[in-house]
Protein backbone atom coordinates (compact mmCIF):
# COMPACT_ATOMS: atom_id res chain seq x y z
CA UNK A 1 4.02 40.09 5.58
CA UNK A 2 0.66 39.02 4.05
CA UNK A 3 -1.63 36.03 4.57
CA UNK A 4 0.17 34.01 1.90
CA UNK A 5 3.47 34.23 3.78
CA UNK A 6 1.66 32.96 6.88
CA UNK A 7 0.22 30.04 4.89
CA UNK A 8 3.71 29.25 3.59
CA UNK A 9 5.09 29.23 7.13
CA UNK A 10 2.31 26.98 8.45
CA UNK A 11 2.58 24.71 5.42
CA UNK A 12 6.32 24.34 6.05
CA UNK A 13 5.58 23.54 9.68
CA UNK A 14 3.03 20.91 8.61
CA UNK A 15 5.55 19.28 6.26
CA UNK A 16 8.21 19.34 8.96
CA UNK A 17 5.93 17.71 11.54
CA UNK A 18 4.66 15.13 9.05
CA UNK A 19 8.19 14.30 7.93
CA UNK A 20 9.25 13.82 11.54
CA UNK A 21 6.29 11.54 12.20
CA UNK A 22 6.86 9.60 8.96
CA UNK A 23 10.52 9.05 9.76
CA UNK A 24 9.81 8.25 13.42
CA UNK A 25 7.04 5.76 12.60
CA UNK A 26 9.28 3.99 10.13
CA UNK A 27 12.14 3.82 12.60
CA UNK A 28 9.84 2.53 15.36
CA UNK A 29 8.31 -0.12 13.11
CA UNK A 30 11.70 -1.28 11.89
CA UNK A 31 13.32 -1.42 15.31
CA UNK A 32 10.38 -2.48 17.49
CA UNK A 33 11.56 -6.08 17.86
CA UNK A 34 15.04 -4.93 18.90
CA UNK A 35 13.46 -2.30 21.12
CA UNK A 36 11.39 -4.94 22.90
CA UNK A 37 14.38 -7.18 23.57
CA UNK A 38 16.57 -4.31 24.73
CA UNK A 39 13.92 -2.87 27.04
CA UNK A 40 13.15 -6.23 28.61
CA UNK A 41 16.86 -6.71 29.37
CA UNK A 42 17.27 -3.35 31.12
CA UNK A 43 19.39 -3.85 34.22
CA UNK A 44 19.40 -2.32 37.66
CA UNK A 45 22.49 -0.32 36.73
CA UNK A 46 21.35 3.30 36.18
CA UNK A 47 24.22 4.01 33.76
CA UNK A 48 23.32 1.06 31.50
CA UNK A 49 19.64 2.00 31.62
CA UNK A 50 20.63 5.60 30.77
CA UNK A 51 22.61 4.47 27.72
CA UNK A 52 19.71 2.25 26.66
CA UNK A 53 17.25 5.17 26.84
CA UNK A 54 19.65 7.43 24.95
CA UNK A 55 20.25 4.90 22.17
CA UNK A 56 16.60 3.96 21.75
CA UNK A 57 15.45 7.57 21.57
CA UNK A 58 18.17 8.38 19.05
CA UNK A 59 16.86 5.50 16.90
CA UNK A 60 13.10 6.15 17.08
CA UNK A 61 13.48 9.97 17.22
CA UNK A 62 11.02 10.44 20.08
CA UNK A 63 11.66 10.67 23.81
CA UNK A 64 7.89 10.56 24.35
CA UNK A 65 7.64 7.20 22.57
CA UNK A 66 10.56 5.74 24.54
CA UNK A 67 9.18 6.89 27.91
CA UNK A 68 5.61 5.83 27.13
CA UNK A 69 6.79 2.37 26.06
CA UNK A 70 8.92 2.16 29.21
CA UNK A 71 5.86 3.09 31.26
CA UNK A 72 3.90 0.30 29.61
CA UNK A 73 6.64 -2.25 30.30
CA UNK A 74 6.70 -1.20 33.95
CA UNK A 75 2.92 -1.53 34.13
CA UNK A 76 3.14 -5.00 32.58
CA UNK A 77 5.70 -6.05 35.18
CA UNK A 78 8.42 -6.69 32.57
CA UNK A 79 10.85 -4.17 34.09
CA UNK A 80 10.74 -2.53 37.49
CA UNK A 81 10.23 1.17 38.24
CA UNK A 82 13.85 1.38 39.41
CA UNK A 83 15.08 -0.07 36.09
CA UNK A 84 13.05 2.49 34.14
CA UNK A 85 14.52 5.59 35.81
CA UNK A 86 17.81 5.58 33.93
CA UNK A 87 15.94 4.95 30.67
CA UNK A 88 13.83 8.08 31.28
CA UNK A 89 16.89 10.27 31.82
CA UNK A 90 18.65 8.75 28.80
CA UNK A 91 15.59 9.42 26.64
CA UNK A 92 15.82 13.14 27.48
CA UNK A 93 19.39 13.21 26.15
CA UNK A 94 18.63 11.01 23.13
CA UNK A 95 16.07 13.48 21.81
CA UNK A 96 18.86 16.00 21.16
CA UNK A 97 20.04 13.89 18.19
CA UNK A 98 17.20 15.30 16.07
CA UNK A 99 18.46 18.85 16.63
CA UNK A 100 21.95 17.80 15.57
CA UNK A 101 20.52 16.45 12.30
CA UNK A 102 18.56 19.64 11.66
CA UNK A 103 21.71 21.74 12.12
CA UNK A 104 22.50 20.89 8.50
CA UNK A 105 20.62 24.13 7.84
CA UNK A 106 23.87 25.91 8.71
CA UNK A 107 25.43 24.48 5.55
CA UNK A 108 23.49 26.97 3.43
CA UNK A 109 26.35 29.40 3.52
CA UNK A 110 28.99 26.86 2.61
CA UNK A 111 30.68 27.04 -0.74
CA UNK A 112 32.54 23.73 -0.50
CA UNK A 113 31.27 21.26 -3.08
CA UNK A 114 31.28 18.28 -0.70
CA UNK A 115 29.38 20.18 2.00
CA UNK A 116 26.98 21.57 -0.60
CA UNK A 117 25.97 17.99 -1.26
CA UNK A 118 24.59 17.94 2.31
CA UNK A 119 22.83 21.26 1.88
CA UNK A 120 19.12 20.71 2.75
CA UNK A 121 18.07 22.12 -0.63
CA UNK A 122 19.99 19.23 -2.23
CA UNK A 123 19.50 16.63 0.46
CA UNK A 124 15.69 16.95 0.71
CA UNK A 125 14.79 16.10 -2.90
CA UNK A 126 17.59 13.53 -3.09
CA UNK A 127 16.23 11.72 -0.02
CA UNK A 128 12.71 11.65 -1.46
CA UNK A 129 14.00 10.33 -4.79
CA UNK A 130 15.97 7.55 -3.08
CA UNK A 131 13.00 6.76 -0.81
CA UNK A 132 10.49 6.37 -3.62
CA UNK A 133 12.95 4.22 -5.61
CA UNK A 134 13.32 1.90 -2.61
CA UNK A 135 9.55 1.66 -2.13
CA UNK A 136 8.57 1.18 -5.78
CA UNK A 137 11.61 -0.38 -7.40
CA UNK A 138 13.39 -2.49 -4.78
CA UNK A 139 11.90 -5.52 -3.06
CA UNK A 140 13.54 -6.93 0.05
CA UNK A 141 12.58 -7.38 3.67
CA UNK A 142 11.53 -4.05 5.20
CA UNK A 143 12.18 -2.19 1.92
CA UNK A 144 8.92 -0.26 2.26
CA UNK A 145 9.79 0.61 5.83
CA UNK A 146 13.28 1.85 4.92
CA UNK A 147 11.85 3.84 2.02
CA UNK A 148 9.37 5.48 4.40
CA UNK A 149 12.23 6.53 6.72
CA UNK A 150 14.21 8.07 3.84
CA UNK A 151 11.17 9.89 2.42
CA UNK A 152 10.30 11.14 5.91
CA UNK A 153 13.80 12.58 6.14
CA UNK A 154 13.30 14.39 2.83
CA UNK A 155 9.85 15.72 3.77
CA UNK A 156 11.23 16.95 7.09
CA UNK A 157 13.94 19.01 5.39
CA UNK A 158 11.53 20.25 2.71
CA UNK A 159 9.33 21.57 5.51
CA UNK A 160 12.33 23.22 7.12
CA UNK A 161 13.22 24.91 3.84
CA UNK A 162 9.68 26.21 3.47
CA UNK A 163 9.77 27.54 7.01
CA UNK A 164 13.12 29.26 6.52
CA UNK A 165 11.87 30.90 3.29
CA UNK A 166 8.83 32.20 5.17
CA UNK A 167 11.04 33.34 8.06
CA UNK A 168 13.13 35.43 5.66
CA UNK A 169 9.96 37.38 4.79
CA UNK A 170 9.22 37.81 8.50
CA UNK A 171 12.78 39.05 8.99
CA UNK A 172 12.34 41.76 6.36
CA UNK A 173 9.14 42.88 8.06
CA UNK A 174 10.87 43.04 11.46
CA UNK A 175 8.39 40.59 13.00
CA UNK A 176 11.03 38.04 14.10
CA UNK A 177 12.96 40.77 15.88
CA UNK A 178 9.79 41.87 17.68
CA UNK A 179 8.88 38.29 18.63
CA UNK A 180 12.22 37.51 20.28
CA UNK A 181 13.49 40.94 21.32
CA UNK A 182 11.88 40.86 24.77
CA UNK A 183 12.79 37.28 25.62
CA UNK A 184 16.39 38.07 26.55
CA UNK A 185 15.26 40.47 29.26
CA UNK A 186 12.41 38.29 30.50
CA UNK A 187 13.39 34.60 30.69
CA UNK A 188 10.09 33.68 32.38
CA UNK A 189 8.18 34.68 29.25
CA UNK A 190 10.61 32.66 27.12
CA UNK A 191 10.16 29.71 29.47
CA UNK A 192 6.37 29.93 29.17
CA UNK A 193 6.53 30.27 25.37
CA UNK A 194 8.74 27.17 25.03
CA UNK A 195 6.56 25.11 27.38
CA UNK A 196 3.34 26.18 25.65
CA UNK A 197 4.50 25.46 22.09
CA UNK A 198 6.02 22.07 23.07
CA UNK A 199 2.80 21.10 24.85
CA UNK A 200 0.68 21.99 21.81
CA UNK A 201 2.97 20.24 19.31
CA UNK A 202 3.59 17.32 21.72
CA UNK A 203 7.21 17.14 20.63
CA UNK A 204 10.32 18.82 21.99
CA UNK A 205 12.25 17.88 18.83
CA UNK A 206 9.68 19.59 16.60
CA UNK A 207 9.64 22.72 18.77
CA UNK A 208 13.44 22.98 18.78
CA UNK A 209 13.39 22.39 15.01
CA UNK A 210 11.08 25.39 14.60
CA UNK A 211 13.45 27.46 16.74
CA UNK A 212 16.34 26.34 14.52
CA UNK A 213 14.37 27.40 11.45
CA UNK A 214 13.82 30.86 12.97
CA UNK A 215 17.54 31.08 13.67
CA UNK A 216 18.23 31.43 9.94
CA UNK A 217 16.93 35.01 10.27
CA UNK A 218 20.16 35.89 12.08
CA UNK A 219 18.20 37.73 14.78
CA UNK A 220 18.22 35.13 17.58
CA UNK A 221 20.68 35.39 20.46
CA UNK A 222 21.66 33.03 23.26
CA UNK A 223 19.97 35.32 25.80
CA UNK A 224 16.70 35.12 23.87
CA UNK A 225 16.52 31.35 23.41
CA UNK A 226 18.07 29.61 26.42
CA UNK A 227 14.92 30.03 28.54
CA UNK A 228 12.77 28.93 25.60
CA UNK A 229 14.79 25.70 25.40
CA UNK A 230 14.31 25.05 29.10
CA UNK A 231 10.55 25.66 28.78
CA UNK A 232 10.38 23.17 25.93
CA UNK A 233 11.62 20.41 28.24
CA UNK A 234 8.73 20.94 30.66
CA UNK A 235 6.04 21.25 27.96
CA UNK A 236 7.08 17.99 26.35
CA UNK A 237 7.28 15.99 29.60
CA UNK A 238 3.77 17.08 30.67
CA UNK A 239 2.37 15.55 27.48
CA UNK A 240 4.33 12.35 28.16
CA UNK A 241 3.04 12.17 31.74
CA UNK A 242 -0.57 12.55 30.58
CA UNK A 243 -0.18 9.64 28.12
CA UNK A 244 1.51 7.50 30.80
CA UNK A 245 -1.46 8.06 33.12
CA UNK A 246 -4.16 6.85 30.75
CA UNK A 247 -5.53 3.62 32.23
CA UNK A 248 -2.17 2.82 33.80
CA UNK A 249 -1.11 1.16 37.02
CA UNK A 250 0.56 3.22 39.78
CA UNK A 251 4.12 2.21 38.80
CA UNK A 252 3.45 3.10 35.17
CA UNK A 253 2.12 6.51 36.26
CA UNK A 254 5.24 6.98 38.37
CA UNK A 255 7.41 6.72 35.24
CA UNK A 256 5.67 9.80 33.83
CA UNK A 257 5.95 11.52 37.22
CA UNK A 258 9.70 10.82 37.39
CA UNK A 259 10.05 12.41 33.94
CA UNK A 260 8.30 15.57 35.21
CA UNK A 261 10.41 15.67 38.40
CA UNK A 262 13.60 15.23 36.39
CA UNK A 263 12.68 18.00 33.96
CA UNK A 264 11.64 20.36 36.75
CA UNK A 265 15.00 19.81 38.43
CA UNK A 266 16.74 20.17 35.07
CA UNK A 267 14.92 23.46 34.39
CA UNK A 268 15.76 24.88 37.83
CA UNK A 269 19.38 23.76 37.51
CA UNK A 270 19.87 25.31 34.07
CA UNK A 271 18.14 28.60 34.89
CA UNK A 272 20.11 28.95 38.12
CA UNK A 273 23.42 27.97 36.51
CA UNK A 274 23.00 30.30 33.52
CA UNK A 275 22.03 33.20 35.83
CA UNK A 276 25.05 32.68 38.13
CA UNK A 277 27.52 32.14 35.27
CA UNK A 278 26.18 35.18 33.40
CA UNK A 279 26.45 37.44 36.45
CA UNK A 280 30.01 36.20 36.96
CA UNK A 281 30.77 37.50 33.47
CA UNK A 282 31.62 34.18 31.83
CA UNK A 283 28.86 34.43 29.22
CA UNK A 284 29.46 38.03 28.14
CA UNK A 285 31.06 36.97 24.86
CA UNK A 286 28.06 34.92 23.70
CA UNK A 287 25.13 36.45 25.61
CA UNK A 288 24.01 38.82 22.87
CA UNK A 289 25.77 37.08 20.00
CA UNK A 290 23.75 35.73 17.08
CA UNK A 291 23.00 32.01 17.42
CA UNK A 292 22.23 29.75 14.48
CA UNK A 293 20.88 26.24 14.07
CA UNK A 294 24.13 24.50 15.10
CA UNK A 295 24.49 26.66 18.18
CA UNK A 296 20.92 25.85 19.28
CA UNK A 297 21.57 22.12 18.74
CA UNK A 298 24.80 22.28 20.76
CA UNK A 299 23.22 24.30 23.57
CA UNK A 300 20.35 21.81 23.77
CA UNK A 301 22.78 18.86 23.88
CA UNK A 302 25.01 20.45 26.53
CA UNK A 303 22.03 21.37 28.73
CA UNK A 304 20.60 17.83 28.60
CA UNK A 305 23.88 15.94 28.90
CA UNK A 306 25.19 18.05 31.79
CA UNK A 307 21.93 17.71 33.75
CA UNK A 308 21.80 13.97 33.10
CA UNK A 309 25.32 13.51 34.48
CA UNK A 310 24.56 15.65 37.54
CA UNK A 311 21.12 14.19 38.30
CA UNK A 312 21.60 10.50 37.40
CA UNK A 313 23.06 9.66 40.85
CA UNK A 314 19.84 10.96 42.42
CA UNK A 315 17.40 8.62 40.65
CA UNK A 316 16.59 7.00 43.99
CA UNK A 317 15.25 10.33 45.27
CA UNK A 318 13.06 10.73 42.16
CA UNK A 319 11.68 7.26 42.82
CA UNK A 320 10.85 8.10 46.46
CA UNK A 321 9.10 11.35 45.49
CA UNK A 322 7.09 9.53 42.81
CA UNK A 323 5.78 7.13 45.47
CA UNK A 324 4.65 10.09 47.56
CA UNK A 325 2.90 11.75 44.63
CA UNK A 326 1.30 8.61 43.14
CA UNK A 327 -0.37 6.45 45.78
CA UNK A 328 -0.86 2.71 45.60
CA UNK A 329 -4.17 1.34 44.36
CA UNK A 330 -6.06 -1.77 45.55
CA UNK A 331 -4.62 -4.99 44.11
CA UNK A 332 -6.96 -6.58 41.52
CA UNK A 333 -8.88 -9.57 42.88
CA UNK A 334 -8.66 -11.76 39.77
CA UNK A 335 -5.50 -13.85 39.51
CA UNK A 336 -5.16 -13.16 35.76
CA UNK A 337 -6.04 -9.45 35.95
CA UNK A 338 -2.38 -8.45 35.91
CA UNK A 339 -1.78 -10.40 32.70
CA UNK A 340 -4.88 -8.84 31.13
CA UNK A 341 -3.70 -5.38 32.16
CA UNK A 342 -0.55 -5.99 30.11
CA UNK A 343 -2.72 -5.41 27.00
CA UNK A 344 -1.93 -1.73 27.44
CA UNK A 345 -2.97 0.80 24.73
CA UNK A 346 0.49 2.35 25.16
CA UNK A 347 2.02 -0.53 23.17
CA UNK A 348 -0.29 -0.23 20.17
CA UNK A 349 1.98 2.21 18.34
CA UNK A 350 4.82 -0.33 18.67
CA UNK A 351 3.41 -3.58 17.18
CA UNK A 352 6.22 -5.89 18.33
CA UNK A 353 5.55 -4.96 21.94
CA UNK A 354 1.77 -5.21 21.52
CA UNK A 355 2.03 -8.64 19.84
CA UNK A 356 4.34 -9.76 22.64
CA UNK A 357 1.62 -9.10 25.22
CA UNK A 358 -0.93 -11.01 23.10
CA UNK A 359 1.47 -13.95 22.70
CA UNK A 360 1.91 -14.32 26.46
CA UNK A 361 -1.86 -14.38 27.03
CA UNK A 362 -2.39 -16.85 24.20
CA UNK A 363 0.17 -19.18 25.80
CA UNK A 364 -1.79 -18.91 29.06
CA UNK A 365 -5.06 -19.67 27.23
CA UNK A 366 -3.46 -22.79 25.73
CA UNK A 367 -2.09 -23.88 29.11
CA UNK A 368 -5.41 -23.43 30.89
CA UNK A 369 -7.35 -25.27 28.17
CA UNK A 370 -4.94 -28.23 28.24
CA UNK A 371 -5.05 -28.39 32.02
CA UNK A 372 -8.85 -28.33 31.97
CA UNK A 373 -8.97 -31.19 29.45
CA UNK A 374 -6.66 -33.25 31.65
CA UNK A 375 -8.77 -32.57 34.75
CA UNK A 376 -12.02 -33.27 32.86
CA UNK A 377 -10.85 -36.75 31.79
CA UNK A 378 -9.89 -37.46 35.40
CA UNK A 379 -13.50 -36.96 36.51
CA UNK A 380 -14.51 -40.34 35.02
CA UNK A 381 -12.43 -42.19 37.62
CA UNK A 382 -12.56 -39.68 40.47
CA UNK A 383 -15.48 -37.25 40.23
CA UNK A 384 -14.96 -34.15 42.39
CA UNK A 385 -17.27 -31.11 42.41
CA UNK A 386 -14.40 -28.84 43.54
CA UNK A 387 -12.46 -29.82 40.41
CA UNK A 388 -15.55 -29.13 38.30
CA UNK A 389 -15.91 -25.62 39.75
CA UNK A 390 -12.19 -25.01 39.16
CA UNK A 391 -12.52 -26.03 35.49
CA UNK A 392 -15.54 -23.75 35.02
CA UNK A 393 -13.69 -20.85 36.68
CA UNK A 394 -10.69 -21.28 34.39
CA UNK A 395 -13.02 -21.53 31.38
CA UNK A 396 -14.46 -18.13 32.29
CA UNK A 397 -10.94 -16.71 32.25
CA UNK A 398 -10.23 -18.33 28.88
CA UNK A 399 -13.32 -16.61 27.45
CA UNK A 400 -12.32 -13.26 28.97
CA UNK A 401 -8.79 -13.59 27.59
CA UNK A 402 -10.15 -14.42 24.14
CA UNK A 403 -12.38 -11.32 24.12
CA UNK A 404 -9.65 -9.02 25.42
CA UNK A 405 -7.00 -10.26 22.98
CA UNK A 406 -9.45 -10.01 20.05
CA UNK A 407 -10.33 -6.42 20.92
CA UNK A 408 -6.67 -5.56 21.37
CA UNK A 409 -5.74 -7.05 18.00
CA UNK A 410 -8.49 -4.99 16.35
CA UNK A 411 -6.88 -1.86 17.84
CA UNK A 412 -3.44 -2.96 16.62
CA UNK A 413 -4.78 -3.61 13.11
CA UNK A 414 -5.38 0.12 12.62
CA UNK A 415 -1.68 0.80 13.23
CA UNK A 416 0.15 -1.90 11.29
CA UNK A 417 1.36 -1.60 7.71
CA UNK A 418 4.10 -4.23 7.46
CA UNK A 419 3.04 -7.56 5.84
CA UNK A 420 4.95 -9.46 8.52
CA UNK A 421 2.81 -7.87 11.25
CA UNK A 422 -0.37 -8.63 9.30
CA UNK A 423 0.65 -12.31 9.20
CA UNK A 424 1.19 -12.36 12.97
CA UNK A 425 -2.18 -10.72 13.56
CA UNK A 426 -4.03 -13.26 11.38
CA UNK A 427 -2.19 -16.15 13.04
CA UNK A 428 -3.12 -14.87 16.50
CA UNK A 429 -6.77 -14.41 15.54
CA UNK A 430 -6.77 -18.06 14.44
CA UNK A 431 -5.07 -19.16 17.68
CA UNK A 432 -7.65 -17.32 19.79
CA UNK A 433 -10.47 -19.27 18.15
CA UNK A 434 -8.73 -22.65 18.48
CA UNK A 435 -7.61 -22.27 22.10
CA UNK A 436 -11.07 -21.07 23.10
CA UNK A 437 -12.54 -24.16 21.42
CA UNK A 438 -10.14 -26.38 23.39
CA UNK A 439 -11.52 -24.87 26.58
CA UNK A 440 -15.09 -25.44 25.37
CA UNK A 441 -14.37 -29.11 24.73
CA UNK A 442 -13.06 -29.48 28.27
CA UNK A 443 -16.37 -28.12 29.57
CA UNK A 444 -18.28 -30.51 27.30
CA UNK A 445 -16.33 -33.44 28.79
CA UNK A 446 -17.17 -32.13 32.29
CA UNK A 447 -20.87 -32.16 31.35
CA UNK A 448 -20.61 -35.79 30.24
CA UNK A 449 -18.97 -36.73 33.54
CA UNK A 450 -21.62 -34.78 35.48
CA UNK A 451 -24.44 -36.59 33.64
CA UNK A 452 -22.94 -39.93 34.52
CA UNK A 453 -22.48 -38.93 38.17
CA UNK A 454 -26.06 -37.66 38.48
CA UNK A 455 -27.35 -40.95 37.02
CA UNK A 456 -25.01 -43.01 39.21
CA UNK A 457 -23.45 -44.57 36.16
CA UNK A 458 -19.81 -45.49 35.42
CA UNK A 459 -17.82 -46.77 32.47
CA UNK A 460 -16.75 -50.39 32.47
CA UNK A 461 -13.12 -51.30 33.12
CA UNK A 462 -12.67 -52.10 29.45
CA UNK A 463 -13.98 -48.68 28.42
CA UNK A 464 -11.73 -46.91 30.96
CA UNK A 465 -8.73 -48.85 29.73
CA UNK A 466 -9.34 -47.78 26.14
CA UNK A 467 -9.94 -44.17 27.19
CA UNK A 468 -6.62 -44.12 29.05
CA UNK A 469 -4.79 -44.96 25.78
CA UNK A 470 -6.80 -42.37 23.86
CA UNK A 471 -5.96 -39.85 26.60
CA UNK A 472 -2.23 -40.54 26.20
CA UNK A 473 -2.55 -39.97 22.46
CA UNK A 474 -4.42 -36.70 23.03
CA UNK A 475 -1.75 -35.57 25.52
CA UNK A 476 0.92 -36.10 22.90
CA UNK A 477 -0.90 -34.24 20.14
CA UNK A 478 -1.58 -31.36 22.55
CA UNK A 479 2.11 -31.28 23.53
CA UNK A 480 3.08 -30.90 19.88
CA UNK A 481 0.43 -28.21 19.42
CA UNK A 482 1.68 -26.14 22.36
CA UNK A 483 5.29 -26.50 21.18
CA UNK A 484 4.37 -25.55 17.60
CA UNK A 485 2.68 -22.34 18.77
CA UNK A 486 5.16 -21.46 21.51
CA UNK A 487 8.31 -21.70 19.39
CA UNK A 488 6.92 -21.81 15.84
CA UNK A 489 8.47 -25.28 15.84
CA UNK A 490 7.92 -26.71 12.37
CA UNK A 491 8.92 -30.24 13.34
CA UNK A 492 6.27 -30.29 16.07
CA UNK A 493 3.72 -28.75 13.69
CA UNK A 494 4.34 -31.44 11.07
CA UNK A 495 3.81 -34.20 13.67
CA UNK A 496 0.31 -33.02 14.58
CA UNK A 497 -1.55 -34.05 11.42
CA UNK A 498 -0.36 -37.71 11.44
CA UNK A 499 -1.42 -38.00 15.09
CA UNK A 500 -4.81 -36.46 14.26
CA UNK A 501 -5.27 -39.26 11.71
CA UNK A 502 -4.33 -41.85 14.37
CA UNK A 503 -6.91 -40.29 16.72
CA UNK A 504 -9.57 -40.72 14.04
CA UNK A 505 -8.55 -44.37 13.57
CA UNK A 506 -8.61 -45.02 17.30
CA UNK A 507 -12.00 -43.33 17.77
CA UNK A 508 -13.44 -45.61 15.07
CA UNK A 509 -11.87 -48.68 16.71
CA UNK A 510 -13.15 -47.71 20.17
CA UNK A 511 -16.66 -47.21 18.80
CA UNK A 512 -16.58 -50.74 17.39
CA UNK A 513 -15.28 -52.13 20.70
CA UNK A 514 -17.96 -50.31 22.68
CA UNK A 515 -20.72 -51.58 20.40
CA UNK A 516 -19.43 -55.06 21.18
CA UNK A 517 -19.63 -54.30 24.93
CA UNK A 518 -23.20 -53.08 24.50
CA UNK A 519 -24.14 -56.29 22.67
CA UNK A 520 -22.59 -58.37 25.46
CA UNK A 521 -24.33 -56.14 28.09
CA UNK A 522 -20.97 -55.26 29.67
CA UNK A 523 -22.15 -51.64 29.30
CA UNK A 524 -25.69 -50.30 29.31
CA UNK A 525 -27.30 -48.02 26.72
CA UNK A 526 -26.91 -44.84 28.81
CA UNK A 527 -23.16 -45.02 29.32
CA UNK A 528 -22.89 -46.25 25.75
CA UNK A 529 -24.29 -42.94 24.53
CA UNK A 530 -22.01 -40.96 26.85
CA UNK A 531 -18.99 -42.97 25.70
CA UNK A 532 -19.74 -42.09 22.08
CA UNK A 533 -20.16 -38.42 23.05
CA UNK A 534 -16.80 -38.51 24.80
CA UNK A 535 -15.15 -40.02 21.72
CA UNK A 536 -16.62 -37.21 19.61
CA UNK A 537 -15.08 -34.62 21.98
CA UNK A 538 -11.70 -36.34 21.70
CA UNK A 539 -11.94 -36.25 17.92
CA UNK A 540 -12.80 -32.54 17.99
CA UNK A 541 -9.86 -31.81 20.28
CA UNK A 542 -7.53 -33.41 17.75
CA UNK A 543 -9.20 -31.38 14.97
CA UNK A 544 -8.43 -28.16 16.89
CA UNK A 545 -4.81 -29.26 17.26
CA UNK A 546 -4.73 -29.99 13.53
CA UNK A 547 -5.93 -26.45 12.76
CA UNK A 548 -3.16 -24.91 14.89
CA UNK A 549 -0.55 -27.19 13.31
CA UNK A 550 -1.60 -26.40 9.74
CA UNK A 551 -1.73 -22.64 10.51
CA UNK A 552 1.81 -22.85 11.91
CA UNK A 553 3.08 -24.69 8.84
CA UNK A 554 1.31 -22.22 6.53
CA UNK A 555 2.87 -19.26 8.33
CA UNK A 556 6.35 -20.58 7.52
CA UNK A 557 5.31 -21.67 3.99
CA UNK A 558 3.26 -18.88 2.36
CA UNK A 559 2.70 -20.96 -0.78
CA UNK A 560 0.13 -23.13 1.05
CA UNK A 561 -1.54 -20.26 2.91
CA UNK A 562 -4.49 -20.08 0.52
CA UNK A 563 -4.48 -23.80 -0.32
CA UNK A 564 -4.77 -25.33 3.14
CA UNK A 565 -7.50 -27.79 2.12
CA UNK A 566 -5.41 -29.07 -0.80
CA UNK A 567 -2.36 -29.36 1.50
CA UNK A 568 -4.24 -31.45 4.09
CA UNK A 569 -5.79 -33.61 1.36
CA UNK A 570 -2.34 -34.24 -0.10
CA UNK A 571 -1.06 -35.41 3.31
CA UNK A 572 -3.97 -37.78 3.85
CA UNK A 573 -3.67 -39.18 0.34
CA UNK A 574 -0.31 -40.73 1.23
CA UNK A 575 1.87 -38.57 -1.01
CA UNK A 576 4.09 -37.24 1.80
CA UNK A 577 6.75 -39.73 2.99
CA UNK A 578 7.40 -38.00 6.30
CA UNK A 579 3.67 -37.95 7.10
CA UNK A 580 3.35 -41.63 6.18
CA UNK A 581 6.33 -42.70 8.28
CA UNK A 582 5.26 -40.82 11.41
CA UNK A 583 1.62 -41.93 11.00
CA UNK A 584 2.61 -45.60 10.71
CA UNK A 585 4.92 -45.40 13.75
CA UNK A 586 2.31 -43.70 15.91
CA UNK A 587 -0.49 -45.99 14.72
CA UNK A 588 1.52 -49.09 15.53
CA UNK A 589 2.62 -47.72 18.90
CA UNK A 590 -0.81 -46.72 20.22
CA UNK A 591 -2.76 -49.66 18.84
CA UNK A 592 -0.15 -51.99 20.33
CA UNK A 593 -0.54 -50.11 23.61
CA UNK A 594 -4.31 -50.57 23.33
CA UNK A 595 -3.81 -54.35 23.24
CA UNK A 596 -1.43 -54.41 26.23
CA UNK A 597 -3.27 -52.07 28.63
CA UNK A 598 -4.85 -53.72 31.64
CA UNK A 599 -8.30 -52.61 32.89
CA UNK A 600 -8.64 -50.11 35.73
CA UNK A 601 -5.73 -47.81 34.88
CA UNK A 602 -6.40 -44.23 36.04
CA UNK A 603 -6.21 -41.53 33.43
CA UNK A 604 -5.38 -38.41 35.50
C-alpha cells in the first residue's frame, strides 16, 4: 500500500461523511415541521415515546440530532424529562436504519439483473443524476430539498465505493488482517477502538458504515467486530451528552446523561450476554465465520432492539440516577427568563423548532406592549406610580426579548437555505421592530401622563370622552394586529389598514375639537400641548399596526412584497371595494360613538 491508496481511502471516507450529512440535513429540513409537532405531542407512555424516537431518527438519519433536539425541548419546558426517556431509547434503535441501507454493498456479488439495478455502482450515479435533475429542472415546493437528499444518497454510496476499492488494496497487503486479527481475542481493545472512532467522527452510523466498508475484504469475523460495535455506542453517546450540556438547564443535561446511562447498560448487557452465550457453545458456528455488510447491519439492529426491549421498562431508574448525577440549579429570578432560555442553540440546526421558540417570544412581546398601552391610557383618569413602574419593568423585558430574538435569528440565518424559512426570518425581523415600537409608544404615553401629574393638570371631561372613543378604536386595531400575527389571519390583516385610516380621521377631528376647547378656555395651553402629543402617539400606534398588517398580507401574497408602497397607495385611493366598505362602516360607527359618548367615562 502506498500514500495514494491512503488518500483514496480518506477521500472515500470524506465523501461518505459528506453524503451522510447532505442527506441528513435535507431530511431534517424537510421534516422539521413534522418533527416539531410530533415531539411536542410526546406522551407519558414510554412505548409511544420509544416509537416516536425510532421513527424520527430513521427519518433524519441521526440519533444525535434526535436526542439533542429532545434535550432542547425538555429545557424549553415543552416536554418533560420523563416523556423524553422513551424517545432517547428509540433514537438508539432508529440509527440502525442507516446500516441497513448501507448493506446494499452485499449486492456486489449478485448476478440477478433486478438486484444489479440496486448495486451501489449503479445506484450511486443514478441517484446523483436524479438529484441534479430535480434541483435544476423541476420546480415545486421543497424540490431543492428533495434533490439534496437524493444527491446526498448518491454521494454517500460513491464514498463507500471509493472506500471499498481502497480496502481491496489493503486486503492484498495484509493490513486489514493485521488490523482486526487481534480484536477477536481482546474485546476490550475492540471496544476502545469503536468508542474512539465514533467519538472522533461524532456519528455511530458513519463509524458502522466504515466497518461495513471494511467487511468487503472478507477478513472480518463476528468475534472481531461485536466489541467494536458496542464501543461505537458509547463513543457516540458521549458526543451527544457534551452537546446537550452546552448552556443547558439541568433537565436538558439529564437527557444526555440518560443516553449515557442507557448505553453503558446496553454495553454491559451485550458484552456479558455474548460472553455467556459463546461459552455455552451457541455461537460456535458464527464466531469465526466471515461477516459482511448485511451481517454487521443485522447484528447492530439485533443488539439495539434487544437491549431497548429489555431496558425500556427501567426508564424510571435511569431518570432517578440522572437526578443524582445532575444536581438542580438556582431558579432564575426574572419571570421571563425561562422563555428567553427557550432560545436554545440546540434548535438552530432545525429551523422549524428554532422559529417556533422565536414565535412564542414575539407573541409575548406583542401581549406585553398591548397591555402597557392599555395601562398607560388608564393613567389619565387614575394615575398610579406602581402602575408606572410596572409598565417600565415590562418595557425592559420587551427590549431584552427584542435583542435576544434578533441575535437568535442572526444565528439561524447561517443555517437556513429554504426560501420559505428565509420568508419567516424576514417577517420575524419586521415583527421585532414593530412590537418594540409599540412598547416604546406606551412609555411615551406614560411620560405624558407623568408630566401632567407633576404639573397638577388634568384633561377636561370633553377631552377624556373623546380619548375613550379613540382608545376603543385603538383596542380594535390592536386586536386585529395580534390575530393577524398569531394565526397569519388574512381577514384580520386586511381589516387593519381601513381602521388605520379611521384613526387618522379621528385624530384630525379631535385636534379640531381640542382647538375649539382651547379657544373657549375649557382647556389650558399646557394640557392642550399634551393632548396633541397623545394624539400623535395614538396615530403612531396605528401606523405600527398597519406595518404588521401589510407585512402579513405581503407574506401570503408575494407579488406585493416589493411593492408595498404601491399596494397601500392603491388601498387609500379607493380602488379596493373591501377596503372601502370596511372603512365606511368603521368610520360611521366610531364617529357616531363619538357623538353619543357622555363625559367622564373611564378608559381603563
